[in-house]
Each structure stands twice: as structure tokens, then as C-alpha cells.
Amino acid sequence: MGAKAQGATTDRYMTIPRVLVFPFNDDGQILLLKGAPDKRVWAGLWNGIGGHVEKGESVIEAARRELFEETGLSAACWTLCGQVSVDTGSQTGIGFFVFRAEQLTGKLTESVEG
């Protein structure tokens, strides 16, 4: 079904989907990413792991991809904790899908994100 048939028009609010992941180790510690100093947003600030949902990708697929790309880690247990809508002051807002990731495996690595 096309966008018009679903009521998506330029006079309605639209959102860009993003994911935000908070990985927990077995001791309950949370892994946060410190933004690289040259990042356009969140430079030098601590945040969860995340990014955009790519076209054709589900939010859980995006969360898994972002966790691996930004940390080198994978998680066996995922919990959707909530959704956050961000009003950007324009017609296009941002919708965050917030996840908790547990049972981590892999080798923790740095990325260009931080």
C-alpha cells in the first residue's frame, strides 16, 4: 500500500526511525559510547549505541547491526524497553526504539563513532 493510501501527506507529522541500544554485561554494567570529538552530534558526550534504521530493515535488525558495527559485540537476549518521540521543531521528527541487550559475545572494539 502506498504512502498516500495510508494517509501520509506533507501536512502531517512524520518520523525518522532510529534505534538506541544499552548493552548490559553479566555483572549488570552498561556499556556506553563516548562520541568521537569530530562527530556532528553528541561529540565528546556519553550515549547508548545506535543509529538509523535502514530502508527494508526492521528495528531489531537495525539494533543488532548498530551494536556490532559500533562495538564488535553481539547479543543473544534483546528487550524492547520503549519508544521515544523527539519533536525537532519541524514536520519531520525522530522516533527512537530503545533496547536492552544482554548475553554479550564478541570482542569489544572501537569504532569511528567513538
PDB file of N, CA and C in Angstrom:
ATOM      1  N   MET A   1       0.843  -1.170   0.000  1.00  0.00           N
ATOM      2  CA  MET A   1       0.000   0.000   0.000  1.00  0.00           C
ATOM      3  C   MET A   1       0.890   1.235   0.000  1.00  0.00           C
ATOM      4  N   GLY A   2       0.599   2.161  -0.851  1.00  0.00           N
ATOM      5  CA  GLY A   2       1.404   3.366  -0.980  1.00  0.00           C
ATOM      6  C   GLY A   2       1.216   4.344   0.165  1.00  0.00           C
ATOM      7  N   ALA A   3       2.110   5.328   0.231  1.00  0.00           N
ATOM      8  CA  ALA A   3       2.085   6.319   1.302  1.00  0.00           C
ATOM      9  C   ALA A   3       0.784   7.121   1.288  1.00  0.00           C
ATOM     10  N   LYS A   4       0.317   7.505   0.108  1.00  0.00           N
ATOM     11  CA  LYS A   4      -0.904   8.309   0.014  1.00  0.00           C
ATOM     12  C   LYS A   4      -2.107   7.533   0.532  1.00  0.00           C
ATOM     13  N   ALA A   5      -2.204   6.243   0.186  1.00  0.00           N
ATOM     14  CA  ALA A   5      -3.320   5.415   0.643  1.00  0.00           C
ATOM     15  C   ALA A   5      -3.311   5.240   2.157  1.00  0.00           C
ATOM     16  N   GLN A   6      -2.162   5.394   2.762  1.00  0.00           N
ATOM     17  CA  GLN A   6      -2.046   5.266   4.219  1.00  0.00           C
ATOM     18  C   GLN A   6      -2.223   6.600   4.932  1.00  0.00           C
ATOM     19  N   GLY A   7      -2.468   7.664   4.175  1.00  0.00           N
ATOM     20  CA  GLY A   7      -2.686   8.974   4.781  1.00  0.00           C
ATOM     21  C   GLY A   7      -1.425   9.762   5.039  1.00  0.00           C
ATOM     22  N   ALA A   8      -0.296   9.339   4.486  1.00  0.00           N
ATOM     23  CA  ALA A   8       0.961  10.070   4.668  1.00  0.00           C
ATOM     24  C   ALA A   8       0.987  11.237   3.676  1.00  0.00           C
ATOM     25  N   THR A   9       0.874  12.437   4.208  1.00  0.00           N
ATOM     26  CA  THR A   9       0.895  13.633   3.380  1.00  0.00           C
ATOM     27  C   THR A   9       1.839  14.650   3.995  1.00  0.00           C
ATOM     28  N   THR A  10       2.184  15.648   3.226  1.00  0.00           N
ATOM     29  CA  THR A  10       3.149  16.644   3.698  1.00  0.00           C
ATOM     30  C   THR A  10       2.595  17.543   4.791  1.00  0.00           C
ATOM     31  N   ASP A  11       1.287  17.489   5.055  1.00  0.00           N
ATOM     32  CA  ASP A  11       0.729  18.308   6.130  1.00  0.00           C
ATOM     33  C   ASP A  11       0.633  17.540   7.454  1.00  0.00           C
ATOM     34  N   ARG A  12       1.160  16.316   7.492  1.00  0.00           N
ATOM     35  CA  ARG A  12       1.153  15.515   8.713  1.00  0.00           C
ATOM     36  C   ARG A  12       2.573  15.331   9.231  1.00  0.00           C
ATOM     37  N   TYR A  13       2.665  15.102  10.517  1.00  0.00           N
ATOM     38  CA  TYR A  13       3.944  14.866  11.168  1.00  0.00           C
ATOM     39  C   TYR A  13       4.497  13.499  10.749  1.00  0.00           C
ATOM     40  N   MET A  14       5.774  13.418  10.418  1.00  0.00           N
ATOM     41  CA  MET A  14       6.428  12.159  10.059  1.00  0.00           C
ATOM     42  C   MET A  14       7.660  11.977  10.938  1.00  0.00           C
ATOM     43  N   THR A  15       8.099  10.724  11.110  1.00  0.00           N
ATOM     44  CA  THR A  15       9.274  10.461  11.944  1.00  0.00           C
ATOM     45  C   THR A  15      10.315   9.636  11.203  1.00  0.00           C
ATOM     46  N   ILE A  16      11.553   9.882  11.553  1.00  0.00           N
ATOM     47  CA  ILE A  16      12.685   9.095  11.071  1.00  0.00           C
ATOM     48  C   ILE A  16      12.968   8.059  12.151  1.00  0.00           C
ATOM     49  N   PRO A  17      12.939   6.758  11.816  1.00  0.00           N
ATOM     50  CA  PRO A  17      13.172   5.732  12.845  1.00  0.00           C
ATOM     51  C   PRO A  17      14.658   5.552  13.149  1.00  0.00           C
ATOM     52  N   ARG A  18      14.969   5.472  14.433  1.00  0.00           N
ATOM     53  CA  ARG A  18      16.327   5.211  14.897  1.00  0.00           C
ATOM     54  C   ARG A  18      16.261   4.217  16.043  1.00  0.00           C
ATOM     55  N   VAL A  19      17.406   3.607  16.346  1.00  0.00           N
ATOM     56  CA  VAL A  19      17.480   2.676  17.469  1.00  0.00           C
ATOM     57  C   VAL A  19      18.513   3.179  18.464  1.00  0.00           C
ATOM     58  N   LEU A  20      18.299   2.824  19.726  1.00  0.00           N
ATOM     59  CA  LEU A  20      19.221   3.155  20.798  1.00  0.00           C
ATOM     60  C   LEU A  20      19.351   1.912  21.665  1.00  0.00           C
ATOM     61  N   VAL A  21      20.577   1.409  21.793  1.00  0.00           N
ATOM     62  CA  VAL A  21      20.827   0.137  22.475  1.00  0.00           C
ATOM     63  C   VAL A  21      21.676   0.378  23.719  1.00  0.00           C
ATOM     64  N   PHE A  22      21.255  -0.238  24.821  1.00  0.00           N
ATOM     65  CA  PHE A  22      22.024  -0.212  26.055  1.00  0.00           C
ATOM     66  C   PHE A  22      22.438  -1.647  26.376  1.00  0.00           C
ATOM     67  N   PRO A  23      23.708  -2.002  26.055  1.00  0.00           N
ATOM     68  CA  PRO A  23      24.195  -3.359  26.315  1.00  0.00           C
ATOM     69  C   PRO A  23      24.603  -3.523  27.785  1.00  0.00           C
ATOM     70  N   PHE A  24      24.153  -4.612  28.394  1.00  0.00           N
ATOM     71  CA  PHE A  24      24.475  -4.938  29.788  1.00  0.00           C
ATOM     72  C   PHE A  24      25.327  -6.196  29.814  1.00  0.00           C
ATOM     73  N   ASN A  25      26.406  -6.178  30.600  1.00  0.00           N
ATOM     74  CA  ASN A  25      27.181  -7.405  30.771  1.00  0.00           C
ATOM     75  C   ASN A  25      26.571  -8.245  31.886  1.00  0.00           C
ATOM     76  N   ASP A  26      27.169  -9.384  32.178  1.00  0.00           N
ATOM     77  CA  ASP A  26      26.615 -10.305  33.176  1.00  0.00           C
ATOM     78  C   ASP A  26      26.636  -9.742  34.596  1.00  0.00           C
ATOM     79  N   ASP A  27      27.457  -8.707  34.839  1.00  0.00           N
ATOM     80  CA  ASP A  27      27.519  -8.068  36.157  1.00  0.00           C
ATOM     81  C   ASP A  27      26.549  -6.895  36.272  1.00  0.00           C
ATOM     82  N   GLY A  28      25.752  -6.647  35.211  1.00  0.00           N
ATOM     83  CA  GLY A  28      24.788  -5.543  35.239  1.00  0.00           C
ATOM     84  C   GLY A  28      25.360  -4.198  34.852  1.00  0.00           C
ATOM     85  N   GLN A  29      26.620  -4.178  34.398  1.00  0.00           N
ATOM     86  CA  GLN A  29      27.225  -2.924  33.960  1.00  0.00           C
ATOM     87  C   GLN A  29      26.743  -2.594  32.548  1.00  0.00           C
ATOM     88  N   ILE A  30      26.578  -1.292  32.284  1.00  0.00           N
ATOM     89  CA  ILE A  30      26.096  -0.822  30.987  1.00  0.00           C
ATOM     90  C   ILE A  30      27.266  -0.275  30.181  1.00  0.00           C
ATOM     91  N   LEU A  31      27.338  -0.675  28.918  1.00  0.00           N
ATOM     92  CA  LEU A  31      28.344  -0.141  28.015  1.00  0.00           C
ATOM     93  C   LEU A  31      27.788   1.106  27.346  1.00  0.00           C
ATOM     94  N   LEU A  32      28.482   2.227  27.489  1.00  0.00           N
ATOM     95  CA  LEU A  32      28.119   3.469  26.817  1.00  0.00           C
ATOM     96  C   LEU A  32      29.211   3.841  25.836  1.00  0.00           C
ATOM     97  N   LEU A  33      28.869   4.615  24.847  1.00  0.00           N
ATOM     98  CA  LEU A  33      29.828   5.062  23.840  1.00  0.00           C
ATOM     99  C   LEU A  33      30.086   6.550  24.039  1.00  0.00           C
ATOM    100  N   LYS A  34      31.353   6.935  24.095  1.00  0.00           N
ATOM    101  CA  LYS A  34      31.700   8.356  24.162  1.00  0.00           C
ATOM    102  C   LYS A  34      31.906   8.820  22.730  1.00  0.00           C
ATOM    103  N   GLY A  35      31.079   9.761  22.292  1.00  0.00           N
ATOM    104  CA  GLY A  35      31.119  10.231  20.912  1.00  0.00           C
ATOM    105  C   GLY A  35      32.486  10.774  20.521  1.00  0.00           C
ATOM    106  N   ALA A  36      32.920  10.429  19.326  1.00  0.00           N
ATOM    107  CA  ALA A  36      34.196  10.923  18.805  1.00  0.00           C
ATOM    108  C   ALA A  36      34.171  12.454  18.783  1.00  0.00           C
ATOM    109  N   PRO A  37      35.327  13.093  18.998  1.00  0.00           N
ATOM    110  CA  PRO A  37      35.350  14.558  19.085  1.00  0.00           C
ATOM    111  C   PRO A  37      34.939  15.260  17.792  1.00  0.00           C
ATOM    112  N   ASP A  38      35.001  14.563  16.671  1.00  0.00           N
ATOM    113  CA  ASP A  38      34.666  15.191  15.389  1.00  0.00           C
ATOM    114  C   ASP A  38      33.258  14.854  14.899  1.00  0.00           C
ATOM    115  N   LYS A  39      32.460  14.177  15.734  1.00  0.00           N
ATOM    116  CA  LYS A  39      31.081  13.843  15.343  1.00  0.00           C
ATOM    117  C   LYS A  39      30.242  15.108  15.218  1.00  0.00           C
ATOM    118  N   ARG A  40      29.288  15.060  14.284  1.00  0.00           N
ATOM    119  CA  ARG A  40      28.395  16.203  14.070  1.00  0.00           C
ATOM    120  C   ARG A  40      27.468  16.409  15.268  1.00  0.00           C
ATOM    121  N   VAL A  41      26.978  15.306  15.851  1.00  0.00           N
ATOM    122  CA  VAL A  41      26.119  15.383  17.043  1.00  0.00           C
ATOM    123  C   VAL A  41      26.708  14.482  18.127  1.00  0.00           C
ATOM    124  N   TRP A  42      26.497  14.839  19.376  1.00  0.00           N
ATOM    125  CA  TRP A  42      26.957  14.078  20.541  1.00  0.00           C
ATOM    126  C   TRP A  42      28.482  13.976  20.644  1.00  0.00           C
ATOM    127  N   ALA A  43      29.216  14.889  20.023  1.00  0.00           N
ATOM    128  CA  ALA A  43      30.687  14.871  20.095  1.00  0.00           C
ATOM    129  C   ALA A  43      31.134  14.982  21.552  1.00  0.00           C
ATOM    130  N   GLY A  44      31.963  14.024  21.989  1.00  0.00           N
ATOM    131  CA  GLY A  44      32.512  14.034  23.337  1.00  0.00           C
ATOM    132  C   GLY A  44      31.526  13.681  24.439  1.00  0.00           C
ATOM    133  N   LEU A  45      30.300  13.334  24.077  1.00  0.00           N
ATOM    134  CA  LEU A  45      29.287  13.013  25.085  1.00  0.00           C
ATOM    135  C   LEU A  45      29.028  11.510  25.139  1.00  0.00           C
ATOM    136  N   TRP A  46      28.602  11.048  26.305  1.00  0.00           N
ATOM    137  CA  TRP A  46      28.287   9.629  26.505  1.00  0.00           C
ATOM    138  C   TRP A  46      26.851   9.353  26.087  1.00  0.00           C
ATOM    139  N   ASN A  47      26.637   8.211  25.444  1.00  0.00           N
ATOM    140  CA  ASN A  47      25.303   7.846  24.992  1.00  0.00           C
ATOM    141  C   ASN A  47      25.247   6.337  24.808  1.00  0.00           C
ATOM    142  N   GLY A  48      24.059   5.832  24.531  1.00  0.00           N
ATOM    143  CA  GLY A  48      23.909   4.430  24.167  1.00  0.00           C
ATOM    144  C   GLY A  48      24.441   4.213  22.748  1.00  0.00           C
ATOM    145  N   ILE A  49      24.341   3.004  22.291  1.00  0.00           N
ATOM    146  CA  ILE A  49      24.788   2.614  20.955  1.00  0.00           C
ATOM    147  C   ILE A  49      23.589   2.740  20.029  1.00  0.00           C
ATOM    148  N   GLY A  50      23.774   3.273  18.834  1.00  0.00           N
ATOM    149  CA  GLY A  50      22.611   3.324  17.958  1.00  0.00           C
ATOM    150  C   GLY A  50      22.805   4.093  16.684  1.00  0.00           C
ATOM    151  N   GLY A  51      21.692   4.241  15.971  1.00  0.00           N
ATOM    152  CA  GLY A  51      21.709   4.949  14.706  1.00  0.00           C
ATOM    153  C   GLY A  51      20.415   4.753  13.941  1.00  0.00           C
ATOM    154  N   HIS A  52      20.487   5.042  12.652  1.00  0.00           N
ATOM    155  CA  HIS A  52      19.315   4.987  11.775  1.00  0.00           C
ATOM    156  C   HIS A  52      18.888   3.556  11.456  1.00  0.00           C
ATOM    157  N   VAL A  53      17.619   3.404  11.203  1.00  0.00           N
ATOM    158  CA  VAL A  53      17.075   2.168  10.659  1.00  0.00           C
ATOM    159  C   VAL A  53      17.150   2.314   9.146  1.00  0.00           C
ATOM    160  N   GLU A  54      17.840   1.394   8.488  1.00  0.00           N
ATOM    161  CA  GLU A  54      17.996   1.460   7.032  1.00  0.00           C
ATOM    162  C   GLU A  54      16.731   0.976   6.342  1.00  0.00           C
ATOM    163  N   LYS A  55      16.526   1.410   5.113  1.00  0.00           N
ATOM    164  CA  LYS A  55      15.351   1.013   4.344  1.00  0.00           C
ATOM    165  C   LYS A  55      15.292  -0.511   4.223  1.00  0.00           C
ATOM    166  N   GLY A  56      14.122  -1.082   4.509  1.00  0.00           N
ATOM    167  CA  GLY A  56      13.927  -2.525   4.438  1.00  0.00           C
ATOM    168  C   GLY A  56      14.384  -3.294   5.657  1.00  0.00           C
ATOM    169  N   GLU A  57      14.886  -2.597   6.667  1.00  0.00           N
ATOM    170  CA  GLU A  57      15.424  -3.220   7.875  1.00  0.00           C
ATOM    171  C   GLU A  57      14.403  -3.068   9.008  1.00  0.00           C
ATOM    172  N   SER A  58      14.228  -4.120   9.811  1.00  0.00           N
ATOM    173  CA  SER A  58      13.368  -3.996  10.992  1.00  0.00           C
ATOM    174  C   SER A  58      14.151  -3.280  12.091  1.00  0.00           C
ATOM    175  N   VAL A  59      13.449  -2.821  13.122  1.00  0.00           N
ATOM    176  CA  VAL A  59      14.144  -2.118  14.193  1.00  0.00           C
ATOM    177  C   VAL A  59      15.086  -3.048  14.954  1.00  0.00           C
ATOM    178  N   ILE A  60      14.726  -4.319  15.120  1.00  0.00           N
ATOM    179  CA  ILE A  60      15.630  -5.239  15.815  1.00  0.00           C
ATOM    180  C   ILE A  60      16.845  -5.541  14.948  1.00  0.00           C
ATOM    181  N   GLU A  61      16.663  -5.661  13.642  1.00  0.00           N
ATOM    182  CA  GLU A  61      17.813  -5.858  12.748  1.00  0.00           C
ATOM    183  C   GLU A  61      18.745  -4.649  12.815  1.00  0.00           C
ATOM    184  N   ALA A  62      18.176  -3.455  12.853  1.00  0.00           N
ATOM    185  CA  ALA A  62      18.985  -2.239  12.962  1.00  0.00           C
ATOM    186  C   ALA A  62      19.739  -2.201  14.291  1.00  0.00           C
ATOM    187  N   ALA A  63      19.074  -2.593  15.373  1.00  0.00           N
ATOM    188  CA  ALA A  63      19.720  -2.602  16.688  1.00  0.00           C
ATOM    189  C   ALA A  63      20.890  -3.580  16.705  1.00  0.00           C
ATOM    190  N   ARG A  64      20.683  -4.766  16.160  1.00  0.00           N
ATOM    191  CA  ARG A  64      21.764  -5.761  16.100  1.00  0.00           C
ATOM    192  C   ARG A  64      22.930  -5.260  15.260  1.00  0.00           C
ATOM    193  N   ARG A  65      22.625  -4.665  14.108  1.00  0.00           N
ATOM    194  CA  ARG A  65      23.664  -4.157  13.214  1.00  0.00           C
ATOM    195  C   ARG A  65      24.448  -3.034  13.881  1.00  0.00           C
ATOM    196  N   GLU A  66      23.733  -2.077  14.469  1.00  0.00           N
ATOM    197  CA  GLU A  66      24.415  -0.940  15.106  1.00  0.00           C
ATOM    198  C   GLU A  66      25.294  -1.388  16.267  1.00  0.00           C
ATOM    199  N   LEU A  67      24.803  -2.317  17.083  1.00  0.00           N
ATOM    200  CA  LEU A  67      25.614  -2.826  18.198  1.00  0.00           C
ATOM    201  C   LEU A  67      26.904  -3.428  17.668  1.00  0.00           C
ATOM    202  N   PHE A  68      26.804  -4.254  16.638  1.00  0.00           N
ATOM    203  CA  PHE A  68      28.002  -4.901  16.098  1.00  0.00           C
ATOM    204  C   PHE A  68      28.929  -3.886  15.431  1.00  0.00           C
ATOM    205  N   GLU A  69      28.392  -2.986  14.615  1.00  0.00           N
ATOM    206  CA  GLU A  69      29.227  -2.004  13.914  1.00  0.00           C
ATOM    207  C   GLU A  69      29.978  -1.084  14.872  1.00  0.00           C
ATOM    208  N   GLU A  70      29.311  -0.694  15.953  1.00  0.00           N
ATOM    209  CA  GLU A  70      29.907   0.296  16.848  1.00  0.00           C
ATOM    210  C   GLU A  70      30.721  -0.297  17.988  1.00  0.00           C
ATOM    211  N   THR A  71      30.551  -1.611  18.256  1.00  0.00           N
ATOM    212  CA  THR A  71      31.265  -2.196  19.395  1.00  0.00           C
ATOM    213  C   THR A  71      31.972  -3.508  19.089  1.00  0.00           C
ATOM    214  N   GLY A  72      31.596  -4.198  18.008  1.00  0.00           N
ATOM    215  CA  GLY A  72      32.131  -5.530  17.737  1.00  0.00           C
ATOM    216  C   GLY A  72      31.407  -6.623  18.521  1.00  0.00           C
ATOM    217  N   LEU A  73      30.353  -6.259  19.241  1.00  0.00           N
ATOM    218  CA  LEU A  73      29.639  -7.213  20.088  1.00  0.00           C
ATOM    219  C   LEU A  73      28.316  -7.649  19.464  1.00  0.00           C
ATOM    220  N   SER A  74      27.866  -8.829  19.864  1.00  0.00           N
ATOM    221  CA  SER A  74      26.540  -9.336  19.534  1.00  0.00           C
ATOM    222  C   SER A  74      25.842  -9.659  20.848  1.00  0.00           C
ATOM    223  N   ALA A  75      24.510  -9.737  20.797  1.00  0.00           N
ATOM    224  CA  ALA A  75      23.746 -10.058  22.000  1.00  0.00           C
ATOM    225  C   ALA A  75      22.747 -11.158  21.683  1.00  0.00           C
ATOM    226  N   ALA A  76      22.572 -12.061  22.632  1.00  0.00           N
ATOM    227  CA  ALA A  76      21.626 -13.169  22.457  1.00  0.00           C
ATOM    228  C   ALA A  76      20.236 -12.822  22.985  1.00  0.00           C
ATOM    229  N   CYS A  77      20.155 -11.851  23.889  1.00  0.00           N
ATOM    230  CA  CYS A  77      18.878 -11.510  24.523  1.00  0.00           C
ATOM    231  C   CYS A  77      18.585 -10.024  24.312  1.00  0.00           C
ATOM    232  N   TRP A  78      17.422  -9.747  23.730  1.00  0.00           N
ATOM    233  CA  TRP A  78      17.023  -8.381  23.416  1.00  0.00           C
ATOM    234  C   TRP A  78      15.674  -8.074  24.050  1.00  0.00           C
ATOM    235  N   THR A  79      15.556  -6.869  24.630  1.00  0.00           N
ATOM    236  CA  THR A  79      14.290  -6.416  25.194  1.00  0.00           C
ATOM    237  C   THR A  79      13.998  -5.017  24.677  1.00  0.00           C
ATOM    238  N   LEU A  80      12.819  -4.854  24.069  1.00  0.00           N
ATOM    239  CA  LEU A  80      12.377  -3.518  23.676  1.00  0.00           C
ATOM    240  C   LEU A  80      11.852  -2.830  24.930  1.00  0.00           C
ATOM    241  N   CYS A  81      12.522  -1.769  25.346  1.00  0.00           N
ATOM    242  CA  CYS A  81      12.167  -1.091  26.594  1.00  0.00           C
ATOM    243  C   CYS A  81      11.178   0.046  26.395  1.00  0.00           C
ATOM    244  N   GLY A  82      11.127   0.596  25.193  1.00  0.00           N
ATOM    245  CA  GLY A  82      10.198   1.695  24.953  1.00  0.00           C
ATOM    246  C   GLY A  82      10.503   2.424  23.667  1.00  0.00           C
ATOM    247  N   GLN A  83       9.665   3.402  23.396  1.00  0.00           N
ATOM    248  CA  GLN A  83       9.832   4.247  22.227  1.00  0.00           C
ATOM    249  C   GLN A  83       9.795   5.694  22.689  1.00  0.00           C
ATOM    250  N   VAL A  84      10.628   6.526  22.070  1.00  0.00           N
ATOM    251  CA  VAL A  84      10.689   7.933  22.413  1.00  0.00           C
ATOM    252  C   VAL A  84      10.495   8.732  21.137  1.00  0.00           C
ATOM    253  N   SER A  85       9.572   9.681  21.163  1.00  0.00           N
ATOM    254  CA  SER A  85       9.368  10.575  20.028  1.00  0.00           C
ATOM    255  C   SER A  85      10.045  11.900  20.328  1.00  0.00           C
ATOM    256  N   VAL A  86      10.829  12.377  19.382  1.00  0.00           N
ATOM    257  CA  VAL A  86      11.546  13.640  19.541  1.00  0.00           C
ATOM    258  C   VAL A  86      10.956  14.653  18.574  1.00  0.00           C
ATOM    259  N   ASP A  87      10.430  15.732  19.118  1.00  0.00           N
ATOM    260  CA  ASP A  87       9.911  16.819  18.304  1.00  0.00           C
ATOM    261  C   ASP A  87      11.088  17.716  17.935  1.00  0.00           C
ATOM    262  N   THR A  88      11.411  17.766  16.671  1.00  0.00           N
ATOM    263  CA  THR A  88      12.558  18.542  16.207  1.00  0.00           C
ATOM    264  C   THR A  88      12.209  19.985  15.893  1.00  0.00           C
ATOM    265  N   GLY A  89      10.939  20.326  16.053  1.00  0.00           N
ATOM    266  CA  GLY A  89      10.514  21.681  15.722  1.00  0.00           C
ATOM    267  C   GLY A  89      10.156  21.836  14.257  1.00  0.00           C
ATOM    268  N   SER A  90      10.224  20.745  13.522  1.00  0.00           N
ATOM    269  CA  SER A  90       9.855  20.770  12.110  1.00  0.00           C
ATOM    270  C   SER A  90       8.850  19.651  11.863  1.00  0.00           C
ATOM    271  N   GLN A  91       8.442  19.482  10.634  1.00  0.00           N
ATOM    272  CA  GLN A  91       7.454  18.457  10.300  1.00  0.00           C
ATOM    273  C   GLN A  91       8.007  17.047  10.483  1.00  0.00           C
ATOM    274  N   THR A  92       9.309  16.883  10.325  1.00  0.00           N
ATOM    275  CA  THR A  92       9.932  15.566  10.458  1.00  0.00           C
ATOM    276  C   THR A  92      10.575  15.440  11.825  1.00  0.00           C
ATOM    277  N   GLY A  93      10.110  14.460  12.602  1.00  0.00           N
ATOM    278  CA  GLY A  93      10.671  14.211  13.917  1.00  0.00           C
ATOM    279  C   GLY A  93      11.504  12.948  13.913  1.00  0.00           C
ATOM    280  N   ILE A  94      11.894  12.509  15.082  1.00  0.00           N
ATOM    281  CA  ILE A  94      12.713  11.308  15.225  1.00  0.00           C
ATOM    282  C   ILE A  94      12.005  10.373  16.199  1.00  0.00           C
ATOM    283  N   GLY A  95      11.951   9.098  15.854  1.00  0.00           N
ATOM    284  CA  GLY A  95      11.384   8.092  16.740  1.00  0.00           C
ATOM    285  C   GLY A  95      12.451   7.090  17.133  1.00  0.00           C
ATOM    286  N   PHE A  96      12.788   7.043  18.413  1.00  0.00           N
ATOM    287  CA  PHE A  96      13.795   6.110  18.919  1.00  0.00           C
ATOM    288  C   PHE A  96      13.123   4.850  19.460  1.00  0.00           C
ATOM    289  N   PHE A  97      13.633   3.699  19.077  1.00  0.00           N
ATOM    290  CA  PHE A  97      13.251   2.418  19.660  1.00  0.00           C
ATOM    291  C   PHE A  97      14.395   2.040  20.590  1.00  0.00           C
ATOM    292  N   VAL A  98      14.114   1.962  21.882  1.00  0.00           N
ATOM    293  CA  VAL A  98      15.152   1.767  22.902  1.00  0.00           C
ATOM    294  C   VAL A  98      15.191   0.302  23.325  1.00  0.00           C
ATOM    295  N   PHE A  99      16.379  -0.296  23.228  1.00  0.00           N
ATOM    296  CA  PHE A  99      16.567  -1.718  23.534  1.00  0.00           C
ATOM    297  C   PHE A  99      17.569  -1.923  24.657  1.00  0.00           C
ATOM    298  N   ARG A 100      17.358  -3.003  25.386  1.00  0.00           N
ATOM    299  CA  ARG A 100      18.341  -3.541  26.333  1.00  0.00           C
ATOM    300  C   ARG A 100      18.899  -4.797  25.673  1.00  0.00           C
ATOM    301  N   ALA A 101      20.228  -4.913  25.617  1.00  0.00           N
ATOM    302  CA  ALA A 101      20.886  -6.078  25.017  1.00  0.00           C
ATOM    303  C   ALA A 101      21.691  -6.789  26.105  1.00  0.00           C
ATOM    304  N   GLU A 102      21.529  -8.121  26.186  1.00  0.00           N
ATOM    305  CA  GLU A 102      22.220  -8.910  27.205  1.00  0.00           C
ATOM    306  C   GLU A 102      22.808 -10.168  26.587  1.00  0.00           C
ATOM    307  N   GLN A 103      23.583 -10.881  27.396  1.00  0.00           N
ATOM    308  CA  GLN A 103      24.287 -12.091  26.960  1.00  0.00           C
ATOM    309  C   GLN A 103      25.203 -11.745  25.774  1.00  0.00           C
ATOM    310  N   LEU A 104      26.125 -10.836  26.055  1.00  0.00           N
ATOM    311  CA  LEU A 104      27.011 -10.293  25.031  1.00  0.00           C
ATOM    312  C   LEU A 104      28.134 -11.254  24.683  1.00  0.00           C
ATOM    313  N   THR A 105      28.472 -11.290  23.393  1.00  0.00           N
ATOM    314  CA  THR A 105      29.616 -12.067  22.918  1.00  0.00           C
ATOM    315  C   THR A 105      30.365 -11.225  21.895  1.00  0.00           C
ATOM    316  N   GLY A 106      31.615 -11.592  21.663  1.00  0.00           N
ATOM    317  CA  GLY A 106      32.436 -10.883  20.688  1.00  0.00           C
ATOM    318  C   GLY A 106      33.577 -10.183  21.374  1.00  0.00           C
ATOM    319  N   LYS A 107      34.335  -9.447  20.571  1.00  0.00           N
ATOM    320  CA  LYS A 107      35.487  -8.714  21.077  1.00  0.00           C
ATOM    321  C   LYS A 107      35.177  -7.219  20.998  1.00  0.00           C
ATOM    322  N   LEU A 108      35.187  -6.554  22.135  1.00  0.00           N
ATOM    323  CA  LEU A 108      34.892  -5.123  22.190  1.00  0.00           C
ATOM    324  C   LEU A 108      35.952  -4.348  21.405  1.00  0.00           C
ATOM    325  N   THR A 109      35.506  -3.541  20.454  1.00  0.00           N
ATOM    326  CA  THR A 109      36.406  -2.755  19.611  1.00  0.00           C
ATOM    327  C   THR A 109      35.917  -1.324  19.505  1.00  0.00           C
ATOM    328  N   GLU A 110      36.836  -0.417  19.236  1.00  0.00           N
ATOM    329  CA  GLU A 110      36.480   0.983  18.993  1.00  0.00           C
ATOM    330  C   GLU A 110      35.933   1.121  17.587  1.00  0.00           C
ATOM    331  N   SER A 111      35.206   2.211  17.353  1.00  0.00           N
ATOM    332  CA  SER A 111      34.701   2.499  16.016  1.00  0.00           C
ATOM    333  C   SER A 111      34.878   3.983  15.728  1.00  0.00           C
ATOM    334  N   VAL A 112      34.563   4.385  14.511  1.00  0.00           N
ATOM    335  CA  VAL A 112      34.664   5.807  14.173  1.00  0.00           C
ATOM    336  C   VAL A 112      33.629   6.639  14.930  1.00  0.00           C
ATOM    337  N   GLU A 113      32.591   5.966  15.452  1.00  0.00           N
ATOM    338  CA  GLU A 113      31.563   6.662  16.217  1.00  0.00           C
ATOM    339  C   GLU A 113      32.098   7.145  17.573  1.00  0.00           C
ATOM    340  N   GLY A 114      33.038   6.370  18.134  1.00  0.00           N
ATOM    341  CA  GLY A 114      33.588   6.754  19.433  1.00  0.00           C
ATOM    342  C   GLY A 114      34.298   5.612  20.091  1.00  0.00           C
TER     343      GLY A 114
END
